[in-house]
Protein backbone atom coordinates (compact mmCIF):
# COMPACT_ATOMS: atom_id res chain seq x y z
CA MET A 1 -3.76 4.98 21.30
CA GLU A 2 -1.74 7.17 23.75
CA ASP A 3 1.74 6.03 24.77
CA LEU A 4 0.69 4.99 28.40
CA GLU A 5 -2.32 3.20 27.12
CA ARG A 6 -0.13 1.38 24.72
CA ILE A 7 2.39 0.35 27.25
CA ASP A 8 -0.40 -1.12 29.37
CA TRP A 9 -1.77 -2.94 26.27
CA TRP A 10 1.45 -4.66 25.35
CA HIS A 11 2.94 -5.23 28.75
CA GLY A 12 3.32 -9.03 29.24
CA LYS A 13 1.74 -9.86 25.96
CA ARG A 14 3.35 -12.86 24.16
CA VAL A 15 4.38 -11.85 20.86
CA LEU A 16 6.08 -13.61 17.83
CA VAL A 17 7.83 -11.52 15.11
CA THR A 18 9.07 -13.08 11.85
CA GLY A 19 11.40 -11.14 9.74
CA SER A 20 12.86 -9.81 12.89
CA THR A 21 16.16 -8.46 11.47
CA GLY A 22 14.46 -6.37 8.73
CA VAL A 23 14.15 -2.68 9.18
CA ILE A 24 10.57 -2.86 10.44
CA GLY A 25 11.30 -5.97 12.57
CA ILE A 26 14.22 -4.56 14.52
CA ASN A 27 12.41 -1.32 15.28
CA LEU A 28 9.06 -3.07 16.16
CA ILE A 29 10.91 -5.39 18.62
CA ASN A 30 12.73 -2.41 20.14
CA ARG A 31 9.27 -0.80 20.75
CA LEU A 32 7.68 -3.99 22.02
CA GLU A 33 10.55 -4.52 24.42
CA ASP A 34 10.16 -1.01 25.74
CA HIS A 35 6.50 -1.66 26.31
CA GLY A 36 7.23 -4.82 28.38
CA ALA A 37 6.06 -7.51 25.92
CA ASP A 38 7.43 -10.99 25.88
CA VAL A 39 8.88 -11.26 22.39
CA VAL A 40 9.99 -14.21 20.43
CA ALA A 41 11.96 -13.30 17.32
CA LEU A 42 12.30 -15.65 14.45
CA VAL A 43 15.82 -15.11 13.10
CA ARG A 44 17.12 -16.70 9.81
CA ASP A 45 20.34 -14.68 9.58
CA TRP A 46 21.48 -11.21 10.30
CA VAL A 47 24.17 -8.67 9.39
CA PRO A 48 26.38 -7.85 12.37
CA ARG A 49 25.82 -4.13 12.11
CA THR A 50 22.08 -4.59 12.86
CA ARG A 51 23.16 -4.90 16.40
CA THR A 52 23.71 -1.16 16.48
CA ILE A 53 20.07 -0.79 16.56
CA GLY A 54 18.71 -4.13 17.37
CA THR A 55 20.53 -4.63 20.74
CA TRP A 56 18.27 -7.51 21.61
CA LEU A 57 20.24 -9.52 18.98
CA ASP A 58 23.07 -9.84 21.39
CA GLY A 59 20.94 -12.10 23.61
CA ASP A 60 21.26 -9.77 26.66
CA SER A 61 17.64 -8.63 26.64
CA GLY A 62 14.38 -10.54 27.33
CA VAL A 63 13.85 -11.25 23.73
CA THR A 64 13.90 -15.00 22.82
CA LEU A 65 15.66 -15.73 19.65
CA VAL A 66 14.59 -18.77 17.60
CA ARG A 67 16.75 -19.62 14.59
CA GLY A 68 15.01 -20.96 11.63
CA GLU A 69 13.04 -20.34 8.32
CA LEU A 70 9.42 -19.85 7.56
CA GLU A 71 9.56 -22.77 5.15
CA ASP A 72 9.97 -25.22 8.18
CA ARG A 73 6.37 -25.63 9.23
CA ASP A 74 7.28 -27.92 12.14
CA LEU A 75 9.45 -25.28 13.62
CA ILE A 76 6.81 -22.60 13.29
CA MET A 77 4.18 -24.84 14.88
CA ARG A 78 6.48 -25.67 17.71
CA THR A 79 7.46 -22.11 18.24
CA LEU A 80 3.83 -20.90 18.38
CA ALA A 81 2.81 -23.55 20.78
CA GLU A 82 5.87 -23.55 23.05
CA TYR A 83 5.76 -19.79 23.72
CA GLU A 84 1.92 -19.64 23.96
CA THR A 85 1.77 -16.91 21.37
CA GLU A 86 -0.89 -14.35 21.56
CA TYR A 87 0.16 -11.92 18.84
CA VAL A 88 2.00 -12.45 15.51
CA PHE A 89 3.68 -9.95 13.37
CA HIS A 90 4.52 -11.78 10.10
CA LEU A 91 7.13 -9.50 8.52
CA GLY A 92 9.41 -12.21 7.13
CA ALA A 93 9.95 -12.28 3.34
CA GLN A 94 12.43 -11.91 0.52
CA THR A 95 11.89 -8.14 -0.16
CA ILE A 96 14.06 -7.18 -2.99
CA VAL A 97 12.42 -6.74 -6.44
CA GLY A 98 15.72 -7.53 -8.27
CA VAL A 99 16.38 -10.64 -6.31
CA GLY A 100 12.78 -11.67 -7.15
CA ASN A 101 13.56 -11.38 -10.86
CA ARG A 102 16.72 -13.28 -10.67
CA SER A 103 15.44 -16.01 -8.13
CA PRO A 104 11.64 -16.36 -8.47
CA ILE A 105 11.38 -19.86 -6.88
CA THR A 106 13.32 -18.75 -3.80
CA THR A 107 11.14 -15.62 -3.57
CA PHE A 108 7.82 -17.59 -3.98
CA LYS A 109 8.93 -20.14 -1.39
CA ALA A 110 9.89 -17.55 1.25
CA ASN A 111 6.92 -15.24 0.59
CA ILE A 112 4.03 -17.59 -0.39
CA GLU A 113 4.90 -20.83 1.22
CA GLY A 114 6.30 -19.08 4.36
CA THR A 115 3.00 -17.30 4.67
CA TRP A 116 0.74 -20.31 4.31
CA ASN A 117 2.98 -22.42 6.73
CA LEU A 118 2.45 -19.67 9.40
CA LEU A 119 -1.26 -19.24 8.84
CA GLU A 120 -1.89 -23.01 8.64
CA SER A 121 -0.07 -23.61 11.85
CA ILE A 122 -2.13 -20.81 13.48
CA ARG A 123 -5.32 -22.45 12.17
CA VAL A 124 -4.43 -25.82 13.43
CA LEU A 125 -3.40 -24.56 16.87
CA ASN A 126 -6.40 -22.31 17.26
CA ASP A 127 -8.65 -25.42 16.79
CA TYR A 128 -7.22 -26.75 20.07
CA SER A 129 -6.49 -23.64 21.99
CA PRO A 130 -7.53 -20.22 20.61
CA ASP A 131 -4.81 -18.18 22.22
CA ILE A 132 -3.93 -15.97 19.33
CA LYS A 133 -5.65 -12.63 19.47
CA ALA A 134 -4.17 -10.95 16.42
CA VAL A 135 -2.10 -11.75 13.33
CA CYS A 136 -0.64 -8.91 11.28
CA VAL A 137 0.61 -9.87 7.93
CA ALA A 138 3.01 -7.63 5.88
CA SER A 139 1.91 -7.11 2.39
CA SER A 140 3.07 -4.33 0.04
CA ASP A 141 1.88 -1.71 -2.37
CA LYS A 142 3.53 -3.92 -4.98
CA ALA A 143 0.77 -6.47 -4.47
CA TYR A 144 -1.53 -4.05 -6.39
CA GLY A 145 0.53 -4.35 -9.59
CA SER A 146 0.52 -1.63 -12.05
CA SER A 147 -2.58 0.55 -12.38
CA PRO A 148 -3.67 3.52 -14.50
CA THR A 149 -5.81 4.71 -11.51
CA LEU A 150 -4.17 6.12 -8.43
CA PRO A 151 -3.92 6.34 -5.55
CA TYR A 152 -4.43 2.51 -4.74
CA HIS A 153 -7.32 1.66 -2.39
CA GLU A 154 -8.05 -1.37 -0.57
CA LYS A 155 -10.97 -2.50 -2.87
CA MET A 156 -8.73 -2.57 -5.99
CA PRO A 157 -7.85 -6.02 -7.32
CA LEU A 158 -4.37 -7.46 -6.63
CA HIS A 159 -2.54 -8.44 -9.80
CA GLY A 160 1.17 -8.27 -9.44
CA GLU A 161 3.03 -9.15 -12.66
CA HIS A 162 6.59 -9.73 -11.79
CA PRO A 163 7.94 -12.36 -9.26
CA TYR A 164 8.22 -10.17 -6.07
CA ASP A 165 4.95 -8.46 -6.89
CA VAL A 166 3.07 -11.65 -7.50
CA SER A 167 4.60 -13.26 -4.36
CA LYS A 168 2.99 -10.32 -2.27
CA SER A 169 -0.36 -10.48 -4.13
CA CYS A 170 -0.51 -14.24 -3.37
CA ALA A 171 0.55 -13.91 0.30
CA ASP A 172 -2.00 -11.04 0.70
CA LEU A 173 -4.90 -13.20 -0.73
CA ILE A 174 -3.83 -16.21 1.36
CA ALA A 175 -4.12 -14.08 4.42
CA GLN A 176 -7.44 -12.77 3.44
CA SER A 177 -8.67 -16.33 2.82
CA TYR A 178 -7.49 -17.61 6.20
CA GLY A 179 -9.13 -14.60 7.96
CA ARG A 180 -12.39 -14.88 6.22
CA THR A 181 -12.77 -18.64 5.87
CA TYR A 182 -11.65 -19.64 9.37
CA LYS A 183 -12.58 -16.44 11.16
CA LEU A 184 -8.95 -15.93 12.31
CA PRO A 185 -8.07 -12.55 13.64
CA ILE A 186 -5.83 -11.53 10.70
CA SER A 187 -5.20 -8.07 9.30
CA ILE A 188 -3.02 -7.06 6.46
CA ALA A 189 -0.71 -4.08 6.01
CA ARG A 190 0.12 -2.73 2.50
CA MET A 191 2.87 -0.20 2.82
CA GLY A 192 5.13 1.69 0.41
CA ASN A 193 8.88 2.13 0.62
CA ILE A 194 10.16 2.07 4.19
CA TYR A 195 13.23 3.84 5.35
CA GLY A 196 14.85 4.67 8.66
CA PRO A 197 17.57 3.39 11.11
CA GLY A 198 18.40 -0.31 10.90
CA ASP A 199 18.06 -0.66 7.01
CA LEU A 200 21.29 -2.10 5.74
CA ASN A 201 19.97 -3.06 2.37
CA PHE A 202 22.03 -0.55 0.31
CA ASN A 203 20.20 -1.55 -2.90
CA ARG A 204 17.29 0.66 -1.65
CA ILE A 205 17.40 4.29 -2.75
CA VAL A 206 17.44 5.99 0.65
CA PRO A 207 20.21 3.95 2.40
CA GLY A 208 22.12 3.61 -0.87
CA SER A 209 22.18 7.21 -1.57
CA ILE A 210 23.27 8.11 2.03
CA LYS A 211 26.07 5.63 2.02
CA SER A 212 27.32 6.92 -1.29
CA ILE A 213 27.43 10.44 -0.08
CA ILE A 214 29.11 9.51 3.18
CA GLU A 215 31.74 7.61 1.06
CA GLY A 216 32.26 10.67 -1.01
CA ASN A 217 30.55 9.25 -4.12
CA ASN A 218 27.67 10.57 -6.23
CA PRO A 219 24.41 8.59 -5.46
CA GLU A 220 23.13 6.44 -8.41
CA ILE A 221 19.52 6.22 -9.41
CA ARG A 222 18.71 3.04 -11.22
CA SER A 223 15.61 4.30 -13.03
CA ASP A 224 15.36 7.47 -15.11
CA GLY A 225 14.59 9.42 -12.01
CA THR A 226 10.86 9.87 -12.70
CA PRO A 227 9.05 6.99 -10.86
CA ILE A 228 6.79 8.28 -8.03
CA ARG A 229 6.73 6.54 -4.64
CA GLU A 230 5.86 7.47 -1.00
CA TYR A 231 8.68 6.96 1.53
CA PHE A 232 7.39 5.92 4.95
CA TYR A 233 9.43 6.48 8.03
CA VAL A 234 10.04 3.20 9.93
CA GLU A 235 8.68 4.61 13.31
CA ASP A 236 5.36 5.43 11.56
CA ALA A 237 5.33 1.88 10.10
CA VAL A 238 5.73 0.44 13.63
CA ASP A 239 3.01 2.61 14.99
CA ALA A 240 0.80 1.29 12.03
CA TYR A 241 1.45 -2.31 12.93
CA LEU A 242 0.80 -1.84 16.74
CA THR A 243 -2.42 0.12 15.96
CA MET A 244 -3.49 -2.49 13.49
CA ALA A 245 -2.87 -5.30 16.03
CA GLU A 246 -4.76 -3.49 18.79
CA GLN A 247 -7.69 -2.78 16.49
CA THR A 248 -7.80 -6.32 15.17
CA VAL A 249 -8.85 -7.10 18.60
CA ASN A 250 -11.13 -4.14 19.31
CA LEU A 251 -12.92 -4.53 15.93
CA ASN A 252 -12.83 -8.33 15.59
CA LEU A 253 -11.16 -7.97 12.21
CA ALA A 254 -10.69 -11.10 10.04
CA GLY A 255 -8.98 -10.78 6.75
CA ASP A 256 -9.22 -6.90 6.47
CA ALA A 257 -6.44 -5.12 4.61
CA PHE A 258 -5.13 -1.56 5.22
CA ASN A 259 -2.95 0.88 3.23
CA PHE A 260 -0.41 2.82 5.31
CA SER A 261 1.87 5.54 3.93
CA SER A 262 3.17 8.99 4.44
CA GLY A 263 0.80 10.56 1.94
CA GLU A 264 3.97 12.50 0.50
CA LYS A 265 4.51 11.67 -3.17
CA MET A 266 8.09 12.06 -4.48
CA THR A 267 10.06 10.97 -7.66
CA ALA A 268 13.23 9.08 -7.21
CA ARG A 269 15.28 12.15 -8.29
CA GLU A 270 13.53 14.33 -5.69
CA VAL A 271 14.30 11.88 -2.91
CA VAL A 272 18.03 11.86 -3.84
CA GLU A 273 18.16 15.55 -4.23
CA MET A 274 16.62 16.03 -0.75
CA ILE A 275 19.11 13.64 0.74
CA ILE A 276 21.92 15.61 -0.79
CA SER A 277 20.49 18.89 0.56
CA VAL A 278 19.99 17.55 4.02
CA MET A 279 23.57 16.17 4.14
CA GLU A 280 24.82 19.51 2.78
CA SER A 281 26.74 17.69 0.19
CA ASP A 282 27.84 18.85 -3.29
CA ALA A 283 27.20 15.39 -4.78
CA ARG A 284 25.00 15.01 -7.94
CA PRO A 285 22.48 12.18 -8.80
CA LEU A 286 23.75 9.76 -11.43
CA ILE A 287 20.85 8.64 -13.60
CA GLN A 288 21.54 5.03 -14.62
CA ASN A 289 18.12 4.22 -16.32
CA THR A 290 18.85 0.50 -16.02
CA SER A 291 16.02 -0.74 -13.86
CA ARG A 292 13.72 -3.26 -15.40
CA HIS A 293 10.32 -4.72 -14.39
CA GLU A 294 9.52 -2.02 -12.02
CA ILE A 295 6.15 -0.27 -11.71
CA GLN A 296 6.29 3.46 -12.81
CA ASP A 297 4.11 5.05 -10.12
CA GLN A 298 2.79 3.92 -6.82
CA TYR A 299 1.05 5.70 -4.02
CA LEU A 300 -1.71 4.85 -1.61
CA SER A 301 -4.96 6.12 -0.14
CA ILE A 302 -4.76 5.81 3.67
CA GLU A 303 -8.35 6.90 4.26
CA LYS A 304 -9.50 3.55 5.44
CA ALA A 305 -6.78 3.29 8.12
CA LYS A 306 -7.55 6.87 9.24
CA LYS A 307 -11.22 6.17 9.55
CA MET A 308 -11.31 2.62 10.91
CA LEU A 309 -8.10 2.45 12.92
CA ASN A 310 -7.79 6.07 13.85
CA TRP A 311 -4.21 5.96 12.60
CA HIS A 312 -2.20 8.86 11.05
CA PRO A 313 1.48 9.19 9.99
CA ARG A 314 3.46 11.46 12.19
CA HIS A 315 6.52 12.20 10.18
CA SER A 316 7.19 14.16 6.90
CA PHE A 317 10.10 12.76 4.68
CA ILE A 318 12.59 15.33 5.87
CA GLU A 319 11.51 14.82 9.53
CA GLY A 320 12.35 11.07 9.27
CA LEU A 321 15.46 11.70 7.18
CA THR A 322 17.35 13.68 9.76
CA PRO A 323 17.57 10.86 12.42
CA THR A 324 18.10 8.32 9.63
CA ILE A 325 21.06 10.20 8.25
CA ALA A 326 22.52 10.46 11.77
CA TRP A 327 22.29 6.79 12.34
CA TYR A 328 24.03 5.92 9.10
CA ARG A 329 26.87 8.40 9.83
CA LYS A 330 27.35 6.56 13.18
CA VAL A 331 27.17 3.01 11.66
CA LEU A 332 29.29 3.73 8.54
CA ALA A 333 31.96 5.80 10.36
């Protein structure tokens, strides 16, 4: 969808975003606000520096902030009803693999219970007043679990093994179930590793490496440097979510899942070396080889999204890396 068409589409639409202070949530809300949508952001907590990109967090914009957690179903139901929500982007989750390993119950509550609370609230409200046009649920490439056959495609089974992966498999299946059983307008996004302005989780390889180099340190790689991933620029992820929501309406989707990625496969070591090169640093990667319970290689087929949604990624890794590094230099100065 062209920019002017997209602005017309979203202008005045009533939108709820969960996970609104995560890297995708912040950038998605910025885009929705630019397009004139009436946005309600569910906020559990935030890091003060997120304001450097999510200016709506200051409360000076038209974005309505609702403080609370996805585990509070009464709050979710009340928020959906009070603001007469039409579109939902469910991005809220505990997203760190290591935290999932250390705190599985907390991860299951946030990612699984949080998803069924939201979707059950939507189901109940739609029985009385079917206002909601599209619900976009964030899954992950981790939902597929480990597979000897790559790339992942949408018909492959979901069989996460470790706590975070299992939580995403479960949430994904719950979303499919609500879409297909109750004919709710739900679509599911399975994405790889997101990077870009707004990500202050320095446990991740891209922000962590950039921060280390800015501070004059050698960036650490927790694995042996060989795991393969795709790194997906946040602006492309935002485009993917907006496109998926629009096409959920146009195509009457109900429980469909789509892979989104850059199509550019890289090892962890290659990622860090490219960051070092773009930053013109003499740093060297430090291989720690300490990561546990992580899948070796993961990458996605995006043919379904290309064909059904007419969506394509716009940025290569290096094209997204340049503005990302500039943002971190400003924030960490």
